[in-house]
Amino acid sequence: MSDQDEFGAFLVGFVVGGLTGAVAALLLAPQSGEETRTIIRDKAIELKDKASEEIDEAYAQAEAAASEARIRFEELAQLTRERADELQRRSAVLLEEQKSRISEVMARKPSETEPPAPAI
C-alpha cells in the first residue's frame, strides 16, 4: 500500500507541476494571447498537413509493396505449376517404363526366369 501512496503523491505532483508550468508560460509569454492562439493554430495546420503527407506517402509505399508482392506471388505460382507438370510427366514416363519391364518379365517362360534346378 505504501507504493500506491508514493505513486499517488508523484502523480499529483506531476499534474500540479505541469499546470504551474503552463500558467507560467502563458503569463510570461512575449506575445499576446491572440498572437499565441494564431501561432498554435498555424502550427496545428502545419502538423496536420505534414501528417497528411506522411499518410499519403505511407499509403503509396504500401500499395507499391502489395503490387510487388502480388507479382512475385504470381511468378512463384507459375513456377510451381511448371515444376509440378514436369514432375507429373517424369512420373508418367517412369511408370510406363516399369509397367513395360514387368510385362517383359511376366511374358518370359518360367525356365528363362528361374535358375536351373540342382542335380541330385
PDB file of N, CA and C in Angstrom:
ATOM      1  N   MET A   1       0.816  -1.173   0.000  1.00  0.00           N
ATOM      2  CA  MET A   1       0.000   0.000   0.000  1.00  0.00           C
ATOM      3  C   MET A   1       0.869   1.250   0.000  1.00  0.00           C
ATOM      4  N   SER A   2       2.047   1.158   0.538  1.00  0.00           N
ATOM      5  CA  SER A   2       2.963   2.281   0.591  1.00  0.00           C
ATOM      6  C   SER A   2       3.384   2.708  -0.816  1.00  0.00           C
ATOM      7  N   ASP A   3       3.581   1.725  -1.706  1.00  0.00           N
ATOM      8  CA  ASP A   3       3.962   2.038  -3.083  1.00  0.00           C
ATOM      9  C   ASP A   3       2.872   2.828  -3.784  1.00  0.00           C
ATOM     10  N   GLN A   4       1.609   2.494  -3.541  1.00  0.00           N
ATOM     11  CA  GLN A   4       0.499   3.207  -4.166  1.00  0.00           C
ATOM     12  C   GLN A   4       0.429   4.640  -3.659  1.00  0.00           C
ATOM     13  N   ASP A   5       0.676   4.860  -2.360  1.00  0.00           N
ATOM     14  CA  ASP A   5       0.666   6.212  -1.811  1.00  0.00           C
ATOM     15  C   ASP A   5       1.775   7.047  -2.437  1.00  0.00           C
ATOM     16  N   GLU A   6       2.949   6.443  -2.608  1.00  0.00           N
ATOM     17  CA  GLU A   6       4.060   7.166  -3.212  1.00  0.00           C
ATOM     18  C   GLU A   6       3.766   7.493  -4.673  1.00  0.00           C
ATOM     19  N   PHE A   7       3.161   6.552  -5.392  1.00  0.00           N
ATOM     20  CA  PHE A   7       2.813   6.803  -6.791  1.00  0.00           C
ATOM     21  C   PHE A   7       1.750   7.891  -6.895  1.00  0.00           C
ATOM     22  N   GLY A   8       0.757   7.849  -5.991  1.00  0.00           N
ATOM     23  CA  GLY A   8      -0.290   8.877  -5.999  1.00  0.00           C
ATOM     24  C   GLY A   8       0.298  10.246  -5.732  1.00  0.00           C
ATOM     25  N   ALA A   9       1.224  10.348  -4.783  1.00  0.00           N
ATOM     26  CA  ALA A   9       1.865  11.620  -4.486  1.00  0.00           C
ATOM     27  C   ALA A   9       2.673  12.103  -5.685  1.00  0.00           C
ATOM     28  N   PHE A  10       3.367  11.178  -6.338  1.00  0.00           N
ATOM     29  CA  PHE A  10       4.131  11.542  -7.535  1.00  0.00           C
ATOM     30  C   PHE A  10       3.209  12.058  -8.629  1.00  0.00           C
ATOM     31  N   LEU A  11       2.080  11.361  -8.847  1.00  0.00           N
ATOM     32  CA  LEU A  11       1.148  11.754  -9.894  1.00  0.00           C
ATOM     33  C   LEU A  11       0.555  13.130  -9.613  1.00  0.00           C
ATOM     34  N   VAL A  12       0.172  13.396  -8.378  1.00  0.00           N
ATOM     35  CA  VAL A  12      -0.372  14.707  -8.022  1.00  0.00           C
ATOM     36  C   VAL A  12       0.689  15.778  -8.246  1.00  0.00           C
ATOM     37  N   GLY A  13       1.901  15.505  -7.847  1.00  0.00           N
ATOM     38  CA  GLY A  13       2.980  16.468  -8.049  1.00  0.00           C
ATOM     39  C   GLY A  13       3.253  16.726  -9.519  1.00  0.00           C
ATOM     40  N   PHE A  14       3.176  15.667 -10.301  1.00  0.00           N
ATOM     41  CA  PHE A  14       3.403  15.799 -11.739  1.00  0.00           C
ATOM     42  C   PHE A  14       2.341  16.680 -12.382  1.00  0.00           C
ATOM     43  N   VAL A  15       1.079  16.438 -12.048  1.00  0.00           N
ATOM     44  CA  VAL A  15      -0.023  17.217 -12.618  1.00  0.00           C
ATOM     45  C   VAL A  15       0.071  18.671 -12.164  1.00  0.00           C
ATOM     46  N   VAL A  16       0.292  18.894 -10.886  1.00  0.00           N
ATOM     47  CA  VAL A  16       0.390  20.267 -10.368  1.00  0.00           C
ATOM     48  C   VAL A  16       1.575  20.986 -11.012  1.00  0.00           C
ATOM     49  N   GLY A  17       2.679  20.322 -11.150  1.00  0.00           N
ATOM     50  CA  GLY A  17       3.844  20.933 -11.792  1.00  0.00           C
ATOM     51  C   GLY A  17       3.566  21.287 -13.244  1.00  0.00           C
ATOM     52  N   GLY A  18       2.879  20.378 -13.950  1.00  0.00           N
ATOM     53  CA  GLY A  18       2.544  20.659 -15.348  1.00  0.00           C
ATOM     54  C   GLY A  18       1.630  21.855 -15.485  1.00  0.00           C
ATOM     55  N   LEU A  19       0.624  21.936 -14.629  1.00  0.00           N
ATOM     56  CA  LEU A  19      -0.293  23.079 -14.673  1.00  0.00           C
ATOM     57  C   LEU A  19       0.426  24.377 -14.316  1.00  0.00           C
ATOM     58  N   THR A  20       1.295  24.326 -13.325  1.00  0.00           N
ATOM     59  CA  THR A  20       2.054  25.510 -12.933  1.00  0.00           C
ATOM     60  C   THR A  20       2.944  25.986 -14.080  1.00  0.00           C
ATOM     61  N   GLY A  21       3.572  25.061 -14.760  1.00  0.00           N
ATOM     62  CA  GLY A  21       4.413  25.419 -15.904  1.00  0.00           C
ATOM     63  C   GLY A  21       3.609  26.022 -17.036  1.00  0.00           C
ATOM     64  N   ALA A  22       2.416  25.476 -17.299  1.00  0.00           N
ATOM     65  CA  ALA A  22       1.577  26.013 -18.362  1.00  0.00           C
ATOM     66  C   ALA A  22       1.128  27.429 -18.035  1.00  0.00           C
ATOM     67  N   VAL A  23       0.716  27.661 -16.799  1.00  0.00           N
ATOM     68  CA  VAL A  23       0.286  29.001 -16.398  1.00  0.00           C
ATOM     69  C   VAL A  23       1.449  29.972 -16.486  1.00  0.00           C
ATOM     70  N   ALA A  24       2.616  29.571 -16.030  1.00  0.00           N
ATOM     71  CA  ALA A  24       3.788  30.443 -16.088  1.00  0.00           C
ATOM     72  C   ALA A  24       4.144  30.770 -17.531  1.00  0.00           C
ATOM     73  N   ALA A  25       4.041  29.794 -18.419  1.00  0.00           N
ATOM     74  CA  ALA A  25       4.357  30.029 -19.830  1.00  0.00           C
ATOM     75  C   ALA A  25       3.391  31.026 -20.442  1.00  0.00           C
ATOM     76  N   LEU A  26       2.113  30.926 -20.106  1.00  0.00           N
ATOM     77  CA  LEU A  26       1.135  31.866 -20.661  1.00  0.00           C
ATOM     78  C   LEU A  26       1.339  33.275 -20.096  1.00  0.00           C
ATOM     79  N   LEU A  27       1.658  33.360 -18.814  1.00  0.00           N
ATOM     80  CA  LEU A  27       1.836  34.675 -18.199  1.00  0.00           C
ATOM     81  C   LEU A  27       3.122  35.350 -18.657  1.00  0.00           C
ATOM     82  N   LEU A  28       4.148  34.582 -18.889  1.00  0.00           N
ATOM     83  CA  LEU A  28       5.448  35.156 -19.236  1.00  0.00           C
ATOM     84  C   LEU A  28       5.712  35.144 -20.737  1.00  0.00           C
ATOM     85  N   ALA A  29       4.728  34.768 -21.547  1.00  0.00           N
ATOM     86  CA  ALA A  29       4.915  34.708 -22.998  1.00  0.00           C
ATOM     87  C   ALA A  29       5.176  36.111 -23.539  1.00  0.00           C
ATOM     88  N   PRO A  30       6.091  36.225 -24.518  1.00  0.00           N
ATOM     89  CA  PRO A  30       6.417  37.556 -25.042  1.00  0.00           C
ATOM     90  C   PRO A  30       5.338  38.131 -25.966  1.00  0.00           C
ATOM     91  N   GLN A  31       4.354  37.351 -26.357  1.00  0.00           N
ATOM     92  CA  GLN A  31       3.311  37.855 -27.242  1.00  0.00           C
ATOM     93  C   GLN A  31       1.960  37.788 -26.530  1.00  0.00           C
ATOM     94  N   SER A  32       0.984  38.425 -27.167  1.00  0.00           N
ATOM     95  CA  SER A  32      -0.352  38.455 -26.570  1.00  0.00           C
ATOM     96  C   SER A  32      -1.043  37.110 -26.758  1.00  0.00           C
ATOM     97  N   GLY A  33      -2.179  36.952 -26.099  1.00  0.00           N
ATOM     98  CA  GLY A  33      -2.953  35.721 -26.221  1.00  0.00           C
ATOM     99  C   GLY A  33      -3.408  35.470 -27.642  1.00  0.00           C
ATOM    100  N   GLU A  34      -3.812  36.521 -28.325  1.00  0.00           N
ATOM    101  CA  GLU A  34      -4.258  36.384 -29.724  1.00  0.00           C
ATOM    102  C   GLU A  34      -3.108  35.880 -30.598  1.00  0.00           C
ATOM    103  N   GLU A  35      -1.937  36.451 -30.392  1.00  0.00           N
ATOM    104  CA  GLU A  35      -0.769  36.014 -31.159  1.00  0.00           C
ATOM    105  C   GLU A  35      -0.433  34.555 -30.845  1.00  0.00           C
ATOM    106  N   THR A  36      -0.521  34.193 -29.571  1.00  0.00           N
ATOM    107  CA  THR A  36      -0.235  32.815 -29.170  1.00  0.00           C
ATOM    108  C   THR A  36      -1.218  31.851 -29.814  1.00  0.00           C
ATOM    109  N   ARG A  37      -2.512  32.221 -29.814  1.00  0.00           N
ATOM    110  CA  ARG A  37      -3.519  31.354 -30.454  1.00  0.00           C
ATOM    111  C   ARG A  37      -3.257  31.240 -31.953  1.00  0.00           C
ATOM    112  N   THR A  38      -2.841  32.324 -32.586  1.00  0.00           N
ATOM    113  CA  THR A  38      -2.533  32.283 -34.020  1.00  0.00           C
ATOM    114  C   THR A  38      -1.350  31.354 -34.284  1.00  0.00           C
ATOM    115  N   ILE A  39      -0.335  31.456 -33.446  1.00  0.00           N
ATOM    116  CA  ILE A  39       0.838  30.585 -33.603  1.00  0.00           C
ATOM    117  C   ILE A  39       0.434  29.125 -33.407  1.00  0.00           C
ATOM    118  N   ILE A  40      -0.367  28.868 -32.374  1.00  0.00           N
ATOM    119  CA  ILE A  40      -0.812  27.494 -32.112  1.00  0.00           C
ATOM    120  C   ILE A  40      -1.638  26.976 -33.289  1.00  0.00           C
ATOM    121  N   ARG A  41      -2.530  27.811 -33.823  1.00  0.00           N
ATOM    122  CA  ARG A  41      -3.369  27.417 -34.960  1.00  0.00           C
ATOM    123  C   ARG A  41      -2.506  27.100 -36.180  1.00  0.00           C
ATOM    124  N   ASP A  42      -1.514  27.979 -36.450  1.00  0.00           N
ATOM    125  CA  ASP A  42      -0.629  27.768 -37.602  1.00  0.00           C
ATOM    126  C   ASP A  42       0.181  26.475 -37.447  1.00  0.00           C
ATOM    127  N   LYS A  43       0.692  26.244 -36.250  1.00  0.00           N
ATOM    128  CA  LYS A  43       1.456  25.012 -36.007  1.00  0.00           C
ATOM    129  C   LYS A  43       0.562  23.781 -36.159  1.00  0.00           C
ATOM    130  N   ALA A  44      -0.688  23.886 -35.697  1.00  0.00           N
ATOM    131  CA  ALA A  44      -1.619  22.759 -35.833  1.00  0.00           C
ATOM    132  C   ALA A  44      -1.894  22.464 -37.304  1.00  0.00           C
ATOM    133  N   ILE A  45      -2.048  23.511 -38.093  1.00  0.00           N
ATOM    134  CA  ILE A  45      -2.278  23.319 -39.538  1.00  0.00           C
ATOM    135  C   ILE A  45      -1.045  22.679 -40.178  1.00  0.00           C
ATOM    136  N   GLU A  46       0.149  23.148 -39.806  1.00  0.00           N
ATOM    137  CA  GLU A  46       1.375  22.568 -40.344  1.00  0.00           C
ATOM    138  C   GLU A  46       1.482  21.084 -39.984  1.00  0.00           C
ATOM    139  N   LEU A  47       1.209  20.773 -38.718  1.00  0.00           N
ATOM    140  CA  LEU A  47       1.275  19.378 -38.291  1.00  0.00           C
ATOM    141  C   LEU A  47       0.251  18.525 -39.022  1.00  0.00           C
ATOM    142  N   LYS A  48      -0.958  19.067 -39.213  1.00  0.00           N
ATOM    143  CA  LYS A  48      -1.998  18.329 -39.936  1.00  0.00           C
ATOM    144  C   LYS A  48      -1.560  18.066 -41.374  1.00  0.00           C
ATOM    145  N   ASP A  49      -1.019  19.082 -42.039  1.00  0.00           N
ATOM    146  CA  ASP A  49      -0.561  18.908 -43.423  1.00  0.00           C
ATOM    147  C   ASP A  49       0.581  17.902 -43.508  1.00  0.00           C
ATOM    148  N   LYS A  50       1.518  17.997 -42.552  1.00  0.00           N
ATOM    149  CA  LYS A  50       2.647  17.066 -42.560  1.00  0.00           C
ATOM    150  C   LYS A  50       2.165  15.641 -42.320  1.00  0.00           C
ATOM    151  N   ALA A  51       1.227  15.481 -41.381  1.00  0.00           N
ATOM    152  CA  ALA A  51       0.689  14.143 -41.108  1.00  0.00           C
ATOM    153  C   ALA A  51      -0.033  13.607 -42.336  1.00  0.00           C
ATOM    154  N   SER A  52      -0.774  14.468 -43.026  1.00  0.00           N
ATOM    155  CA  SER A  52      -1.485  14.050 -44.237  1.00  0.00           C
ATOM    156  C   SER A  52      -0.504  13.603 -45.314  1.00  0.00           C
ATOM    157  N   GLU A  53       0.593  14.346 -45.481  1.00  0.00           N
ATOM    158  CA  GLU A  53       1.615  13.965 -46.457  1.00  0.00           C
ATOM    159  C   GLU A  53       2.248  12.622 -46.085  1.00  0.00           C
ATOM    160  N   GLU A  54       2.552  12.451 -44.817  1.00  0.00           N
ATOM    161  CA  GLU A  54       3.156  11.198 -44.359  1.00  0.00           C
ATOM    162  C   GLU A  54       2.212  10.016 -44.586  1.00  0.00           C
ATOM    163  N   ILE A  55       0.924  10.231 -44.322  1.00  0.00           N
ATOM    164  CA  ILE A  55      -0.066   9.170 -44.536  1.00  0.00           C
ATOM    165  C   ILE A  55      -0.155   8.826 -46.019  1.00  0.00           C
ATOM    166  N   ASP A  56      -0.184   9.849 -46.875  1.00  0.00           N
ATOM    167  CA  ASP A  56      -0.238   9.595 -48.318  1.00  0.00           C
ATOM    168  C   ASP A  56       0.998   8.840 -48.798  1.00  0.00           C
ATOM    169  N   GLU A  57       2.160   9.230 -48.271  1.00  0.00           N
ATOM    170  CA  GLU A  57       3.397   8.557 -48.662  1.00  0.00           C
ATOM    171  C   GLU A  57       3.404   7.104 -48.189  1.00  0.00           C
ATOM    172  N   ALA A  58       2.975   6.889 -46.965  1.00  0.00           N
ATOM    173  CA  ALA A  58       2.921   5.521 -46.431  1.00  0.00           C
ATOM    174  C   ALA A  58       1.932   4.675 -47.226  1.00  0.00           C
ATOM    175  N   TYR A  59       0.799   5.261 -47.609  1.00  0.00           N
ATOM    176  CA  TYR A  59      -0.204   4.541 -48.398  1.00  0.00           C
ATOM    177  C   TYR A  59       0.371   4.164 -49.762  1.00  0.00           C
ATOM    178  N   ALA A  60       1.095   5.097 -50.382  1.00  0.00           N
ATOM    179  CA  ALA A  60       1.701   4.810 -51.695  1.00  0.00           C
ATOM    180  C   ALA A  60       2.738   3.695 -51.570  1.00  0.00           C
ATOM    181  N   GLN A  61       3.537   3.733 -50.509  1.00  0.00           N
ATOM    182  CA  GLN A  61       4.532   2.689 -50.304  1.00  0.00           C
ATOM    183  C   GLN A  61       3.870   1.340 -50.063  1.00  0.00           C
ATOM    184  N   ALA A  62       2.762   1.341 -49.317  1.00  0.00           N
ATOM    185  CA  ALA A  62       2.051   0.090 -49.058  1.00  0.00           C
ATOM    186  C   ALA A  62       1.455  -0.471 -50.344  1.00  0.00           C
ATOM    187  N   GLU A  63       0.905   0.407 -51.183  1.00  0.00           N
ATOM    188  CA  GLU A  63       0.360  -0.050 -52.466  1.00  0.00           C
ATOM    189  C   GLU A  63       1.462  -0.649 -53.337  1.00  0.00           C
ATOM    190  N   ALA A  64       2.614   0.014 -53.386  1.00  0.00           N
ATOM    191  CA  ALA A  64       3.728  -0.486 -54.194  1.00  0.00           C
ATOM    192  C   ALA A  64       4.199  -1.837 -53.673  1.00  0.00           C
ATOM    193  N   ALA A  65       4.300  -1.974 -52.364  1.00  0.00           N
ATOM    194  CA  ALA A  65       4.741  -3.246 -51.786  1.00  0.00           C
ATOM    195  C   ALA A  65       3.729  -4.347 -52.072  1.00  0.00           C
ATOM    196  N   ALA A  66       2.438  -4.025 -51.975  1.00  0.00           N
ATOM    197  CA  ALA A  66       1.400  -5.024 -52.252  1.00  0.00           C
ATOM    198  C   ALA A  66       1.447  -5.446 -53.713  1.00  0.00           C
ATOM    199  N   SER A  67       1.632  -4.490 -54.605  1.00  0.00           N
ATOM    200  CA  SER A  67       1.710  -4.805 -56.035  1.00  0.00           C
ATOM    201  C   SER A  67       2.923  -5.691 -56.326  1.00  0.00           C
ATOM    202  N   GLU A  68       4.048  -5.361 -55.724  1.00  0.00           N
ATOM    203  CA  GLU A  68       5.255  -6.163 -55.920  1.00  0.00           C
ATOM    204  C   GLU A  68       5.075  -7.572 -55.365  1.00  0.00           C
ATOM    205  N   ALA A  69       4.439  -7.674 -54.219  1.00  0.00           N
ATOM    206  CA  ALA A  69       4.197  -8.989 -53.619  1.00  0.00           C
ATOM    207  C   ALA A  69       3.257  -9.813 -54.494  1.00  0.00           C
ATOM    208  N   ARG A  70       2.243  -9.168 -55.061  1.00  0.00           N
ATOM    209  CA  ARG A  70       1.299  -9.875 -55.926  1.00  0.00           C
ATOM    210  C   ARG A  70       2.016 -10.409 -57.171  1.00  0.00           C
ATOM    211  N   ILE A  71       2.880  -9.588 -57.764  1.00  0.00           N
ATOM    212  CA  ILE A  71       3.641 -10.020 -58.950  1.00  0.00           C
ATOM    213  C   ILE A  71       4.558 -11.189 -58.592  1.00  0.00           C
ATOM    214  N   ARG A  72       5.236 -11.085 -57.465  1.00  0.00           N
ATOM    215  CA  ARG A  72       6.146 -12.153 -57.041  1.00  0.00           C
ATOM    216  C   ARG A  72       5.385 -13.443 -56.777  1.00  0.00           C
ATOM    217  N   PHE A  73       4.213 -13.324 -56.149  1.00  0.00           N
ATOM    218  CA  PHE A  73       3.385 -14.498 -55.890  1.00  0.00           C
ATOM    219  C   PHE A  73       2.967 -15.167 -57.192  1.00  0.00           C
ATOM    220  N   GLU A  74       2.554 -14.370 -58.175  1.00  0.00           N
ATOM    221  CA  GLU A  74       2.138 -14.932 -59.463  1.00  0.00           C
ATOM    222  C   GLU A  74       3.300 -15.644 -60.148  1.00  0.00           C
ATOM    223  N   GLU A  75       4.506 -15.050 -60.050  1.00  0.00           N
ATOM    224  CA  GLU A  75       5.681 -15.704 -60.642  1.00  0.00           C
ATOM    225  C   GLU A  75       5.968 -17.040 -59.959  1.00  0.00           C
ATOM    226  N   LEU A  76       5.918 -17.051 -58.637  1.00  0.00           N
ATOM    227  CA  LEU A  76       6.168 -18.290 -57.901  1.00  0.00           C
ATOM    228  C   LEU A  76       5.090 -19.334 -58.176  1.00  0.00           C
ATOM    229  N   ALA A  77       3.843 -18.895 -58.295  1.00  0.00           N
ATOM    230  CA  ALA A  77       2.758 -19.831 -58.592  1.00  0.00           C
ATOM    231  C   ALA A  77       2.963 -20.460 -59.973  1.00  0.00           C
ATOM    232  N   GLN A  78       3.359 -19.655 -60.951  1.00  0.00           N
ATOM    233  CA  GLN A  78       3.606 -20.177 -62.301  1.00  0.00           C
ATOM    234  C   GLN A  78       4.776 -21.157 -62.285  1.00  0.00           C
ATOM    235  N   LEU A  79       5.830 -20.818 -61.580  1.00  0.00           N
ATOM    236  CA  LEU A  79       6.985 -21.709 -61.481  1.00  0.00           C
ATOM    237  C   LEU A  79       6.598 -23.018 -60.807  1.00  0.00           C
ATOM    238  N   THR A  80       5.789 -22.947 -59.778  1.00  0.00           N
ATOM    239  CA  THR A  80       5.336 -24.157 -59.089  1.00  0.00           C
ATOM    240  C   THR A  80       4.496 -25.028 -60.013  1.00  0.00           C
ATOM    241  N   ARG A  81       3.610 -24.392 -60.778  1.00  0.00           N
ATOM    242  CA  ARG A  81       2.786 -25.165 -61.730  1.00  0.00           C
ATOM    243  C   ARG A  81       3.662 -25.858 -62.770  1.00  0.00           C
ATOM    244  N   GLU A  82       4.657 -25.135 -63.272  1.00  0.00           N
ATOM    245  CA  GLU A  82       5.549 -25.724 -64.281  1.00  0.00           C
ATOM    246  C   GLU A  82       6.321 -26.911 -63.704  1.00  0.00           C
ATOM    247  N   ARG A  83       6.822 -26.756 -62.502  1.00  0.00           N
ATOM    248  CA  ARG A  83       7.574 -27.861 -61.890  1.00  0.00           C
ATOM    249  C   ARG A  83       6.665 -29.057 -61.598  1.00  0.00           C
ATOM    250  N   ALA A  84       5.444 -28.795 -61.165  1.00  0.00           N
ATOM    251  CA  ALA A  84       4.507 -29.891 -60.899  1.00  0.00           C
ATOM    252  C   ALA A  84       4.177 -30.629 -62.196  1.00  0.00           C
ATOM    253  N   ASP A  85       3.982 -29.885 -63.278  1.00  0.00           N
ATOM    254  CA  ASP A  85       3.707 -30.522 -64.575  1.00  0.00           C
ATOM    255  C   ASP A  85       4.891 -31.379 -65.022  1.00  0.00           C
ATOM    256  N   GLU A  86       6.104 -30.856 -64.850  1.00  0.00           N
ATOM    257  CA  GLU A  86       7.297 -31.608 -65.238  1.00  0.00           C
ATOM    258  C   GLU A  86       7.426 -32.885 -64.407  1.00  0.00           C
ATOM    259  N   LEU A  87       7.191 -32.792 -63.111  1.00  0.00           N
ATOM    260  CA  LEU A  87       7.245 -33.988 -62.258  1.00  0.00           C
ATOM    261  C   LEU A  87       6.183 -35.001 -62.656  1.00  0.00           C
ATOM    262  N   GLN A  88       5.022 -34.523 -63.026  1.00  0.00           N
ATOM    263  CA  GLN A  88       3.955 -35.429 -63.442  1.00  0.00           C
ATOM    264  C   GLN A  88       4.350 -36.148 -64.740  1.00  0.00           C
ATOM    265  N   ARG A  89       4.947 -35.420 -65.673  1.00  0.00           N
ATOM    266  CA  ARG A  89       5.395 -36.049 -66.919  1.00  0.00           C
ATOM    267  C   ARG A  89       6.482 -37.089 -66.647  1.00  0.00           C
ATOM    268  N   ARG A  90       7.430 -36.736 -65.790  1.00  0.00           N
ATOM    269  CA  ARG A  90       8.505 -37.681 -65.477  1.00  0.00           C
ATOM    270  C   ARG A  90       7.967 -38.935 -64.789  1.00  0.00           C
ATOM    271  N   SER A  91       7.037 -38.746 -63.868  1.00  0.00           N
ATOM    272  CA  SER A  91       6.492 -39.913 -63.170  1.00  0.00           C
ATOM    273  C   SER A  91       5.685 -40.789 -64.127  1.00  0.00           C
ATOM    274  N   ALA A  92       4.996 -40.183 -65.088  1.00  0.00           N
ATOM    275  CA  ALA A  92       4.252 -40.970 -66.066  1.00  0.00           C
ATOM    276  C   ALA A  92       5.213 -41.805 -66.921  1.00  0.00           C
ATOM    277  N   VAL A  93       6.332 -41.226 -67.322  1.00  0.00           N
ATOM    278  CA  VAL A  93       7.326 -41.953 -68.120  1.00  0.00           C
ATOM    279  C   VAL A  93       7.905 -43.104 -67.299  1.00  0.00           C
ATOM    280  N   LEU A  94       8.264 -42.828 -66.049  1.00  0.00           N
ATOM    281  CA  LEU A  94       8.814 -43.882 -65.195  1.00  0.00           C
ATOM    282  C   LEU A  94       7.797 -44.998 -64.969  1.00  0.00           C
ATOM    283  N   LEU A  95       6.550 -44.650 -64.778  1.00  0.00           N
ATOM    284  CA  LEU A  95       5.500 -45.642 -64.571  1.00  0.00           C
ATOM    285  C   LEU A  95       5.360 -46.536 -65.804  1.00  0.00           C
ATOM    286  N   GLU A  96       5.376 -45.936 -66.970  1.00  0.00           N
ATOM    287  CA  GLU A  96       5.269 -46.719 -68.202  1.00  0.00           C
ATOM    288  C   GLU A  96       6.481 -47.637 -68.376  1.00  0.00           C
ATOM    289  N   GLU A  97       7.674 -47.143 -68.034  1.00  0.00           N
ATOM    290  CA  GLU A  97       8.876 -47.980 -68.130  1.00  0.00           C
ATOM    291  C   GLU A  97       8.765 -49.183 -67.197  1.00  0.00           C
ATOM    292  N   GLN A  98       8.304 -48.943 -65.981  1.00  0.00           N
ATOM    293  CA  GLN A  98       8.181 -50.043 -65.016  1.00  0.00           C
ATOM    294  C   GLN A  98       7.110 -51.042 -65.457  1.00  0.00           C
ATOM    295  N   LYS A  99       6.008 -50.545 -65.992  1.00  0.00           N
ATOM    296  CA  LYS A  99       4.969 -51.456 -66.498  1.00  0.00           C
ATOM    297  C   LYS A  99       5.527 -52.311 -67.629  1.00  0.00           C
ATOM    298  N   SER A 100       6.326 -51.697 -68.489  1.00  0.00           N
ATOM    299  CA  SER A 100       6.911 -52.427 -69.607  1.00  0.00           C
ATOM    300  C   SER A 100       7.868 -53.513 -69.096  1.00  0.00           C
ATOM    301  N   ARG A 101       8.672 -53.188 -68.126  1.00  0.00           N
ATOM    302  CA  ARG A 101       9.612 -54.169 -67.570  1.00  0.00           C
ATOM    303  C   ARG A 101       8.859 -55.319 -66.909  1.00  0.00           C
ATOM    304  N   ILE A 102       7.814 -54.987 -66.168  1.00  0.00           N
ATOM    305  CA  ILE A 102       7.025 -56.047 -65.514  1.00  0.00           C
ATOM    306  C   ILE A 102       6.378 -56.939 -66.562  1.00  0.00           C
ATOM    307  N   SER A 103       5.867 -56.349 -67.619  1.00  0.00           N
ATOM    308  CA  SER A 103       5.240 -57.143 -68.680  1.00  0.00           C
ATOM    309  C   SER A 103       6.256 -58.069 -69.337  1.00  0.00           C
ATOM    310  N   GLU A 104       7.469 -57.567 -69.554  1.00  0.00           N
ATOM    311  CA  GLU A 104       8.516 -58.399 -70.158  1.00  0.00           C
ATOM    312  C   GLU A 104       8.852 -59.574 -69.254  1.00  0.00           C
ATOM    313  N   VAL A 105       8.980 -59.321 -67.977  1.00  0.00           N
ATOM    314  CA  VAL A 105       9.320 -60.396 -67.034  1.00  0.00           C
ATOM    315  C   VAL A 105       8.202 -61.414 -66.989  1.00  0.00           C
ATOM    316  N   MET A 106       6.968 -60.972 -66.975  1.00  0.00           N
ATOM    317  CA  MET A 106       5.829 -61.871 -66.898  1.00  0.00           C
ATOM    318  C   MET A 106       5.671 -62.690 -68.187  1.00  0.00           C
ATOM    319  N   ALA A 107       6.100 -62.128 -69.311  1.00  0.00           N
ATOM    320  CA  ALA A 107       5.941 -62.821 -70.583  1.00  0.00           C
ATOM    321  C   ALA A 107       7.017 -63.883 -70.808  1.00  0.00           C
ATOM    322  N   ARG A 108       8.100 -63.815 -70.098  1.00  0.00           N
ATOM    323  CA  ARG A 108       9.169 -64.814 -70.269  1.00  0.00           C
ATOM    324  C   ARG A 108       8.688 -66.175 -69.798  1.00  0.00           C
ATOM    325  N   LYS A 109       9.315 -67.165 -70.339  1.00  0.00           N
ATOM    326  CA  LYS A 109       8.998 -68.534 -69.935  1.00  0.00           C
ATOM    327  C   LYS A 109       9.555 -68.763 -68.539  1.00  0.00           C
ATOM    328  N   PRO A 110       8.915 -69.617 -67.775  1.00  0.00           N
ATOM    329  CA  PRO A 110       9.422 -69.877 -66.417  1.00  0.00           C
ATOM    330  C   PRO A 110      10.860 -70.384 -66.421  1.00  0.00           C
ATOM    331  N   SER A 111      11.257 -71.127 -67.451  1.00  0.00           N
ATOM    332  CA  SER A 111      12.613 -71.664 -67.462  1.00  0.00           C
ATOM    333  C   SER A 111      13.633 -70.553 -67.668  1.00  0.00           C
ATOM    334  N   GLU A 112      13.239 -69.449 -68.284  1.00  0.00           N
ATOM    335  CA  GLU A 112      14.160 -68.338 -68.506  1.00  0.00           C
ATOM    336  C   GLU A 112      14.349 -67.511 -67.239  1.00  0.00           C
ATOM    337  N   THR A 113      13.315 -67.453 -66.424  1.00  0.00           N
ATOM    338  CA  THR A 113      13.380 -66.610 -65.238  1.00  0.00           C
ATOM    339  C   THR A 113      13.887 -67.358 -64.020  1.00  0.00           C
ATOM    340  N   GLU A 114      13.724 -68.693 -63.997  1.00  0.00           N
ATOM    341  CA  GLU A 114      14.159 -69.449 -62.831  1.00  0.00           C
ATOM    342  C   GLU A 114      15.519 -70.089 -63.111  1.00  0.00           C
ATOM    343  N   PRO A 115      16.367 -70.137 -62.114  1.00  0.00           N
ATOM    344  CA  PRO A 115      17.667 -70.809 -62.310  1.00  0.00           C
ATOM    345  C   PRO A 115      17.436 -72.311 -62.439  1.00  0.00           C
ATOM    346  N   PRO A 116      18.315 -73.001 -63.114  1.00  0.00           N
ATOM    347  CA  PRO A 116      18.137 -74.453 -63.261  1.00  0.00           C
ATOM    348  C   PRO A 116      18.179 -75.153 -61.906  1.00  0.00           C
ATOM    349  N   ALA A 117      17.398 -76.174 -61.807  1.00  0.00           N
ATOM    350  CA  ALA A 117      17.328 -76.939 -60.561  1.00  0.00           C
ATOM    351  C   ALA A 117      18.621 -77.727 -60.390  1.00  0.00           C
ATOM    352  N   PRO A 118      19.125 -77.833 -59.174  1.00  0.00           N
ATOM    353  CA  PRO A 118      20.378 -78.595 -58.958  1.00  0.00           C
ATOM    354  C   PRO A 118      20.140 -80.093 -59.157  1.00  0.00           C
ATOM    355  N   ALA A 119      21.105 -80.721 -59.696  1.00  0.00           N
ATOM    356  CA  ALA A 119      21.026 -82.163 -59.930  1.00  0.00           C
ATOM    357  C   ALA A 119      21.326 -82.892 -58.647  1.00  0.00           C
ATOM    358  N   ILE A 120      20.508 -83.885 -58.371  1.00  0.00           N
ATOM    359  CA  ILE A 120      20.684 -84.658 -57.143  1.00  0.00           C
ATOM    360  C   ILE A 120      21.276 -85.996 -57.465  1.00  0.00           C
TER     361      ILE A 120
END
